[in-house]
Amino acid sequence: MSADPEQDYFDQITFSDLVMVYHALTELVFDSILKDIVRGRYHLSPVHITLQVDREQTMLFVKEETVAFMDHDPRLREWAMQFIARQVFSLDPNAVESIYLDGPVGKGEPYLRIAGDGILIVSGQPQDKGSYL
């Protein structure tokens, strides 16, 4: 079976299918920040990651078994807007006001919230303990 590139399949997608698509995209984003940023750039072995991006600031919080790491690198904002907003969700980064990504490593339960001008994407459940930031 092959897909017809001229066919618009989104009019046939159900709500439960859409939830699964957003969950898969959230996993992709979480795995990317874990591998590319947290392990690749900072060489950490996290148990929990939180990324908070807004127009004013960017904050990455990484908890390891015994220590925590926090960074305010403005390059993380550019990475988040280009990768998460533009590439993964096909959003205009100028319309995105905030991105919040939070979750335990290895549990498959990340939470993602993207908000902005006419944009609200939420996937997963926020942690019961509250946000770290």
N, C-alpha and C. Protein backbone atom coordinates (compact mmCIF):
# COMPACT_ATOMS: atom_id res chain seq x y z
N MET A 1 0.84 -1.17 0.00
CA MET A 1 0.00 0.00 0.00
C MET A 1 0.89 1.24 0.00
N SER A 2 0.56 2.20 -0.81
CA SER A 2 1.33 3.44 -0.86
C SER A 2 0.41 4.62 -0.62
N ALA A 3 0.99 5.69 -0.10
CA ALA A 3 0.22 6.90 0.18
C ALA A 3 0.27 7.82 -1.01
N ASP A 4 -0.85 8.42 -1.32
CA ASP A 4 -0.93 9.39 -2.41
C ASP A 4 -0.55 10.75 -1.86
N PRO A 5 0.55 11.36 -2.35
CA PRO A 5 0.97 12.66 -1.80
C PRO A 5 -0.02 13.78 -2.05
N GLU A 6 -0.93 13.61 -2.98
CA GLU A 6 -1.93 14.64 -3.26
C GLU A 6 -3.13 14.54 -2.31
N GLN A 7 -3.26 13.42 -1.61
CA GLN A 7 -4.40 13.18 -0.72
C GLN A 7 -4.16 13.83 0.64
N ASP A 8 -5.15 14.52 1.17
CA ASP A 8 -5.07 15.12 2.50
C ASP A 8 -5.67 14.12 3.49
N TYR A 9 -4.82 13.49 4.29
CA TYR A 9 -5.27 12.45 5.21
C TYR A 9 -5.73 13.01 6.55
N PHE A 10 -5.44 14.30 6.82
CA PHE A 10 -5.80 14.84 8.12
C PHE A 10 -7.31 14.99 8.30
N ASP A 11 -8.08 15.03 7.22
CA ASP A 11 -9.52 15.10 7.38
C ASP A 11 -10.10 13.74 7.77
N GLN A 12 -9.29 12.69 7.70
CA GLN A 12 -9.73 11.35 8.06
C GLN A 12 -9.22 10.90 9.42
N ILE A 13 -8.39 11.71 10.05
CA ILE A 13 -7.77 11.32 11.31
C ILE A 13 -8.76 11.51 12.47
N THR A 14 -8.77 10.57 13.39
CA THR A 14 -9.64 10.67 14.55
C THR A 14 -8.91 11.37 15.69
N PHE A 15 -9.66 11.76 16.71
CA PHE A 15 -9.06 12.43 17.86
C PHE A 15 -8.03 11.54 18.54
N SER A 16 -8.35 10.25 18.71
CA SER A 16 -7.39 9.34 19.37
C SER A 16 -6.13 9.18 18.52
N ASP A 17 -6.27 9.21 17.19
CA ASP A 17 -5.09 9.16 16.32
C ASP A 17 -4.25 10.41 16.51
N LEU A 18 -4.89 11.54 16.62
CA LEU A 18 -4.19 12.81 16.80
C LEU A 18 -3.44 12.84 18.13
N VAL A 19 -4.04 12.30 19.16
CA VAL A 19 -3.38 12.22 20.47
C VAL A 19 -2.12 11.36 20.35
N MET A 20 -2.21 10.26 19.64
CA MET A 20 -1.04 9.39 19.45
C MET A 20 0.05 10.09 18.64
N VAL A 21 -0.33 10.87 17.63
CA VAL A 21 0.64 11.61 16.83
C VAL A 21 1.37 12.63 17.71
N TYR A 22 0.61 13.40 18.50
CA TYR A 22 1.24 14.38 19.38
C TYR A 22 2.13 13.72 20.43
N HIS A 23 1.71 12.57 20.94
CA HIS A 23 2.53 11.84 21.91
C HIS A 23 3.85 11.41 21.26
N ALA A 24 3.79 10.90 20.05
CA ALA A 24 5.00 10.48 19.34
C ALA A 24 5.92 11.67 19.07
N LEU A 25 5.35 12.81 18.68
CA LEU A 25 6.15 14.00 18.44
C LEU A 25 6.78 14.52 19.73
N THR A 26 6.05 14.44 20.83
CA THR A 26 6.59 14.84 22.13
C THR A 26 7.76 13.95 22.53
N GLU A 27 7.62 12.65 22.30
CA GLU A 27 8.72 11.72 22.58
C GLU A 27 9.94 12.06 21.73
N LEU A 28 9.71 12.39 20.46
CA LEU A 28 10.81 12.77 19.56
C LEU A 28 11.54 14.00 20.09
N VAL A 29 10.79 15.01 20.50
CA VAL A 29 11.38 16.24 21.03
C VAL A 29 12.16 15.94 22.31
N PHE A 30 11.57 15.17 23.22
CA PHE A 30 12.22 14.86 24.49
C PHE A 30 13.50 14.06 24.25
N ASP A 31 13.44 13.06 23.39
CA ASP A 31 14.63 12.27 23.09
C ASP A 31 15.71 13.11 22.43
N SER A 32 15.31 14.06 21.60
CA SER A 32 16.28 14.93 20.93
C SER A 32 17.00 15.83 21.92
N ILE A 33 16.27 16.43 22.85
CA ILE A 33 16.94 17.29 23.83
C ILE A 33 17.82 16.45 24.74
N LEU A 34 17.37 15.25 25.08
CA LEU A 34 18.16 14.36 25.93
C LEU A 34 19.48 14.00 25.25
N LYS A 35 19.40 13.53 24.01
CA LYS A 35 20.61 13.05 23.32
C LYS A 35 21.47 14.18 22.79
N ASP A 36 20.87 15.16 22.12
CA ASP A 36 21.65 16.21 21.47
C ASP A 36 22.16 17.28 22.43
N ILE A 37 21.34 17.68 23.37
CA ILE A 37 21.70 18.80 24.25
C ILE A 37 22.26 18.30 25.59
N VAL A 38 21.46 17.56 26.32
CA VAL A 38 21.84 17.19 27.69
C VAL A 38 23.05 16.24 27.70
N ARG A 39 23.00 15.18 26.91
CA ARG A 39 24.13 14.25 26.89
C ARG A 39 25.21 14.70 25.92
N GLY A 40 24.82 15.27 24.78
CA GLY A 40 25.78 15.66 23.77
C GLY A 40 26.59 16.89 24.13
N ARG A 41 25.95 17.92 24.63
CA ARG A 41 26.64 19.18 24.93
C ARG A 41 27.14 19.24 26.37
N TYR A 42 26.30 18.81 27.33
CA TYR A 42 26.66 18.95 28.73
C TYR A 42 27.23 17.68 29.36
N HIS A 43 27.09 16.55 28.68
CA HIS A 43 27.63 15.27 29.14
C HIS A 43 27.09 14.88 30.52
N LEU A 44 25.79 15.01 30.68
CA LEU A 44 25.13 14.67 31.94
C LEU A 44 24.36 13.36 31.79
N SER A 45 24.08 12.71 32.91
CA SER A 45 23.27 11.49 32.94
C SER A 45 22.02 11.79 33.75
N PRO A 46 21.01 12.36 33.12
CA PRO A 46 19.86 12.86 33.87
C PRO A 46 18.85 11.78 34.26
N VAL A 47 18.08 12.12 35.29
CA VAL A 47 16.90 11.34 35.65
C VAL A 47 15.63 12.15 35.36
N HIS A 48 15.80 13.48 35.18
CA HIS A 48 14.66 14.35 34.90
C HIS A 48 15.16 15.59 34.15
N ILE A 49 14.36 16.03 33.17
CA ILE A 49 14.71 17.21 32.37
C ILE A 49 13.53 18.16 32.31
N THR A 50 13.81 19.45 32.46
CA THR A 50 12.81 20.49 32.27
C THR A 50 13.42 21.59 31.40
N LEU A 51 12.71 21.94 30.34
CA LEU A 51 13.11 23.06 29.48
C LEU A 51 11.96 24.04 29.45
N GLN A 52 12.27 25.29 29.78
CA GLN A 52 11.26 26.35 29.75
C GLN A 52 11.79 27.47 28.88
N VAL A 53 11.03 27.78 27.83
CA VAL A 53 11.43 28.80 26.87
C VAL A 53 10.29 29.80 26.75
N ASP A 54 10.62 31.08 26.86
CA ASP A 54 9.64 32.11 26.54
C ASP A 54 10.37 33.23 25.82
N ARG A 55 9.67 34.30 25.54
CA ARG A 55 10.29 35.39 24.77
C ARG A 55 11.41 36.09 25.52
N GLU A 56 11.40 36.05 26.83
CA GLU A 56 12.36 36.76 27.65
C GLU A 56 13.57 35.92 28.04
N GLN A 57 13.33 34.65 28.37
CA GLN A 57 14.42 33.83 28.89
C GLN A 57 14.24 32.36 28.51
N THR A 58 15.32 31.64 28.68
CA THR A 58 15.32 30.20 28.46
C THR A 58 16.02 29.55 29.64
N MET A 59 15.44 28.48 30.13
CA MET A 59 16.04 27.80 31.27
C MET A 59 15.97 26.29 31.06
N LEU A 60 17.11 25.65 31.25
CA LEU A 60 17.19 24.19 31.20
C LEU A 60 17.56 23.72 32.60
N PHE A 61 16.74 22.83 33.14
CA PHE A 61 16.99 22.24 34.46
C PHE A 61 17.15 20.75 34.26
N VAL A 62 18.27 20.21 34.72
CA VAL A 62 18.55 18.79 34.59
C VAL A 62 18.87 18.24 35.96
N LYS A 63 18.14 17.21 36.36
CA LYS A 63 18.40 16.57 37.64
C LYS A 63 19.07 15.23 37.39
N GLU A 64 20.23 15.04 38.03
CA GLU A 64 20.89 13.75 38.03
C GLU A 64 20.53 13.06 39.34
N GLU A 65 21.11 11.91 39.59
CA GLU A 65 20.80 11.18 40.82
C GLU A 65 21.08 12.00 42.08
N THR A 66 22.23 12.67 42.11
CA THR A 66 22.62 13.36 43.34
C THR A 66 22.80 14.86 43.19
N VAL A 67 22.82 15.36 41.96
CA VAL A 67 23.03 16.79 41.75
C VAL A 67 22.04 17.32 40.72
N ALA A 68 21.95 18.64 40.65
CA ALA A 68 21.10 19.29 39.65
C ALA A 68 21.94 20.29 38.87
N PHE A 69 21.54 20.54 37.64
CA PHE A 69 22.24 21.44 36.75
C PHE A 69 21.22 22.40 36.16
N MET A 70 21.56 23.68 36.10
CA MET A 70 20.67 24.66 35.51
C MET A 70 21.47 25.54 34.56
N ASP A 71 20.89 25.86 33.41
CA ASP A 71 21.57 26.70 32.43
C ASP A 71 20.57 27.68 31.83
N HIS A 72 21.06 28.88 31.53
CA HIS A 72 20.25 29.93 30.92
C HIS A 72 20.77 30.28 29.53
N ASP A 73 21.35 29.36 28.82
CA ASP A 73 21.98 29.60 27.53
C ASP A 73 20.95 30.07 26.50
N PRO A 74 21.11 31.27 25.92
CA PRO A 74 20.15 31.77 24.94
C PRO A 74 20.13 30.94 23.65
N ARG A 75 21.18 30.15 23.41
CA ARG A 75 21.17 29.27 22.22
C ARG A 75 20.11 28.19 22.32
N LEU A 76 19.71 27.84 23.55
CA LEU A 76 18.64 26.86 23.73
C LEU A 76 17.32 27.38 23.19
N ARG A 77 17.10 28.69 23.31
CA ARG A 77 15.87 29.29 22.77
C ARG A 77 15.84 29.14 21.26
N GLU A 78 16.94 29.44 20.62
CA GLU A 78 17.01 29.31 19.16
C GLU A 78 16.81 27.86 18.74
N TRP A 79 17.44 26.93 19.46
CA TRP A 79 17.27 25.50 19.16
C TRP A 79 15.81 25.11 19.32
N ALA A 80 15.19 25.51 20.42
CA ALA A 80 13.79 25.13 20.68
C ALA A 80 12.85 25.71 19.62
N MET A 81 13.05 26.98 19.28
CA MET A 81 12.17 27.60 18.29
C MET A 81 12.35 27.00 16.90
N GLN A 82 13.58 26.72 16.53
CA GLN A 82 13.81 26.17 15.20
C GLN A 82 13.45 24.69 15.11
N PHE A 83 13.88 23.91 16.10
CA PHE A 83 13.63 22.47 16.04
C PHE A 83 12.20 22.13 16.46
N ILE A 84 11.83 22.52 17.68
CA ILE A 84 10.51 22.12 18.20
C ILE A 84 9.40 22.83 17.43
N ALA A 85 9.44 24.15 17.39
CA ALA A 85 8.35 24.91 16.76
C ALA A 85 8.33 24.71 15.24
N ARG A 86 9.43 25.04 14.58
CA ARG A 86 9.44 25.05 13.11
C ARG A 86 9.49 23.66 12.51
N GLN A 87 10.48 22.85 12.90
CA GLN A 87 10.68 21.56 12.23
C GLN A 87 9.69 20.49 12.65
N VAL A 88 9.47 20.35 13.95
CA VAL A 88 8.59 19.26 14.41
C VAL A 88 7.12 19.61 14.26
N PHE A 89 6.71 20.82 14.68
CA PHE A 89 5.29 21.17 14.68
C PHE A 89 4.89 22.13 13.57
N SER A 90 5.83 22.50 12.70
CA SER A 90 5.55 23.39 11.55
C SER A 90 4.86 24.69 11.98
N LEU A 91 5.36 25.27 13.05
CA LEU A 91 4.82 26.53 13.56
C LEU A 91 5.78 27.67 13.24
N ASP A 92 5.24 28.85 13.08
CA ASP A 92 6.07 30.04 12.92
C ASP A 92 6.66 30.39 14.28
N PRO A 93 7.97 30.34 14.44
CA PRO A 93 8.58 30.64 15.74
C PRO A 93 8.22 32.03 16.28
N ASN A 94 7.93 32.98 15.41
CA ASN A 94 7.54 34.32 15.86
C ASN A 94 6.17 34.32 16.53
N ALA A 95 5.36 33.32 16.25
CA ALA A 95 4.03 33.22 16.85
C ALA A 95 4.04 32.44 18.16
N VAL A 96 5.14 31.77 18.47
CA VAL A 96 5.25 30.97 19.68
C VAL A 96 5.74 31.85 20.83
N GLU A 97 4.97 31.88 21.90
CA GLU A 97 5.35 32.67 23.08
C GLU A 97 6.09 31.84 24.12
N SER A 98 5.72 30.55 24.25
CA SER A 98 6.39 29.73 25.26
C SER A 98 6.38 28.25 24.85
N ILE A 99 7.43 27.58 25.29
CA ILE A 99 7.55 26.13 25.15
C ILE A 99 7.97 25.60 26.51
N TYR A 100 7.26 24.61 26.99
CA TYR A 100 7.58 23.99 28.27
C TYR A 100 7.63 22.49 28.05
N LEU A 101 8.78 21.89 28.33
CA LEU A 101 8.98 20.45 28.18
C LEU A 101 9.49 19.91 29.50
N ASP A 102 8.87 18.85 29.99
CA ASP A 102 9.21 18.35 31.32
C ASP A 102 8.96 16.85 31.36
N GLY A 103 9.90 16.12 31.97
CA GLY A 103 9.63 14.71 32.14
C GLY A 103 10.79 13.92 32.71
N PRO A 104 10.46 12.75 33.25
CA PRO A 104 11.49 11.85 33.74
C PRO A 104 12.14 11.11 32.56
N VAL A 105 13.41 10.86 32.66
CA VAL A 105 14.14 10.17 31.60
C VAL A 105 13.85 8.67 31.69
N GLY A 106 13.54 8.08 30.56
CA GLY A 106 13.33 6.64 30.49
C GLY A 106 11.94 6.16 30.86
N LYS A 107 11.05 7.06 31.19
CA LYS A 107 9.70 6.68 31.60
C LYS A 107 8.69 6.77 30.47
N GLY A 108 9.02 7.49 29.40
CA GLY A 108 8.10 7.62 28.28
C GLY A 108 6.88 8.48 28.57
N GLU A 109 7.01 9.42 29.50
CA GLU A 109 5.86 10.24 29.90
C GLU A 109 6.19 11.73 29.90
N PRO A 110 6.81 12.27 28.85
CA PRO A 110 7.11 13.70 28.88
C PRO A 110 5.85 14.54 28.68
N TYR A 111 5.92 15.75 29.20
CA TYR A 111 4.83 16.72 29.07
C TYR A 111 5.35 17.87 28.21
N LEU A 112 4.57 18.27 27.22
CA LEU A 112 4.94 19.37 26.35
C LEU A 112 3.78 20.33 26.24
N ARG A 113 4.10 21.62 26.39
CA ARG A 113 3.09 22.66 26.22
C ARG A 113 3.70 23.76 25.36
N ILE A 114 3.05 24.05 24.23
CA ILE A 114 3.47 25.13 23.35
C ILE A 114 2.31 26.10 23.26
N ALA A 115 2.58 27.37 23.56
CA ALA A 115 1.52 28.38 23.54
C ALA A 115 2.01 29.60 22.78
N GLY A 116 1.05 30.29 22.19
CA GLY A 116 1.41 31.51 21.46
C GLY A 116 0.20 32.14 20.83
N ASP A 117 0.44 32.92 19.82
CA ASP A 117 -0.61 33.66 19.12
C ASP A 117 -1.49 32.67 18.35
N GLY A 118 -2.61 32.29 18.94
CA GLY A 118 -3.52 31.34 18.33
C GLY A 118 -3.03 29.91 18.40
N ILE A 119 -2.04 29.63 19.25
CA ILE A 119 -1.43 28.31 19.35
C ILE A 119 -1.58 27.79 20.76
N LEU A 120 -2.05 26.57 20.89
CA LEU A 120 -2.02 25.85 22.16
C LEU A 120 -1.91 24.37 21.84
N ILE A 121 -0.75 23.82 22.11
CA ILE A 121 -0.51 22.39 21.92
C ILE A 121 -0.09 21.84 23.28
N VAL A 122 -0.80 20.83 23.74
CA VAL A 122 -0.47 20.19 25.02
C VAL A 122 -0.46 18.69 24.80
N SER A 123 0.61 18.06 25.26
CA SER A 123 0.73 16.61 25.13
C SER A 123 1.28 16.06 26.43
N GLY A 124 0.68 15.00 26.93
CA GLY A 124 1.13 14.40 28.17
C GLY A 124 0.47 15.04 29.37
N GLN A 125 0.87 14.57 30.53
CA GLN A 125 0.33 15.07 31.78
C GLN A 125 1.43 15.76 32.57
N PRO A 126 1.15 16.94 33.13
CA PRO A 126 2.17 17.60 33.96
C PRO A 126 2.46 16.76 35.20
N GLN A 127 3.66 16.89 35.72
CA GLN A 127 4.05 16.15 36.91
C GLN A 127 3.25 16.63 38.10
N ASP A 128 2.86 15.70 38.99
CA ASP A 128 2.09 16.04 40.18
C ASP A 128 2.88 16.90 41.15
N LYS A 129 4.21 16.82 41.11
CA LYS A 129 5.06 17.54 42.05
C LYS A 129 5.16 19.01 41.73
N GLY A 130 4.59 19.45 40.63
CA GLY A 130 4.71 20.86 40.24
C GLY A 130 5.93 21.03 39.35
N SER A 131 6.06 22.20 38.80
CA SER A 131 7.18 22.44 37.91
C SER A 131 8.44 22.75 38.70
N TYR A 132 9.56 22.49 38.13
CA TYR A 132 10.84 22.77 38.77
C TYR A 132 11.22 24.22 38.60
N LEU A 133 10.63 24.89 37.62
CA LEU A 133 11.03 26.26 37.33
C LEU A 133 9.92 27.22 37.68
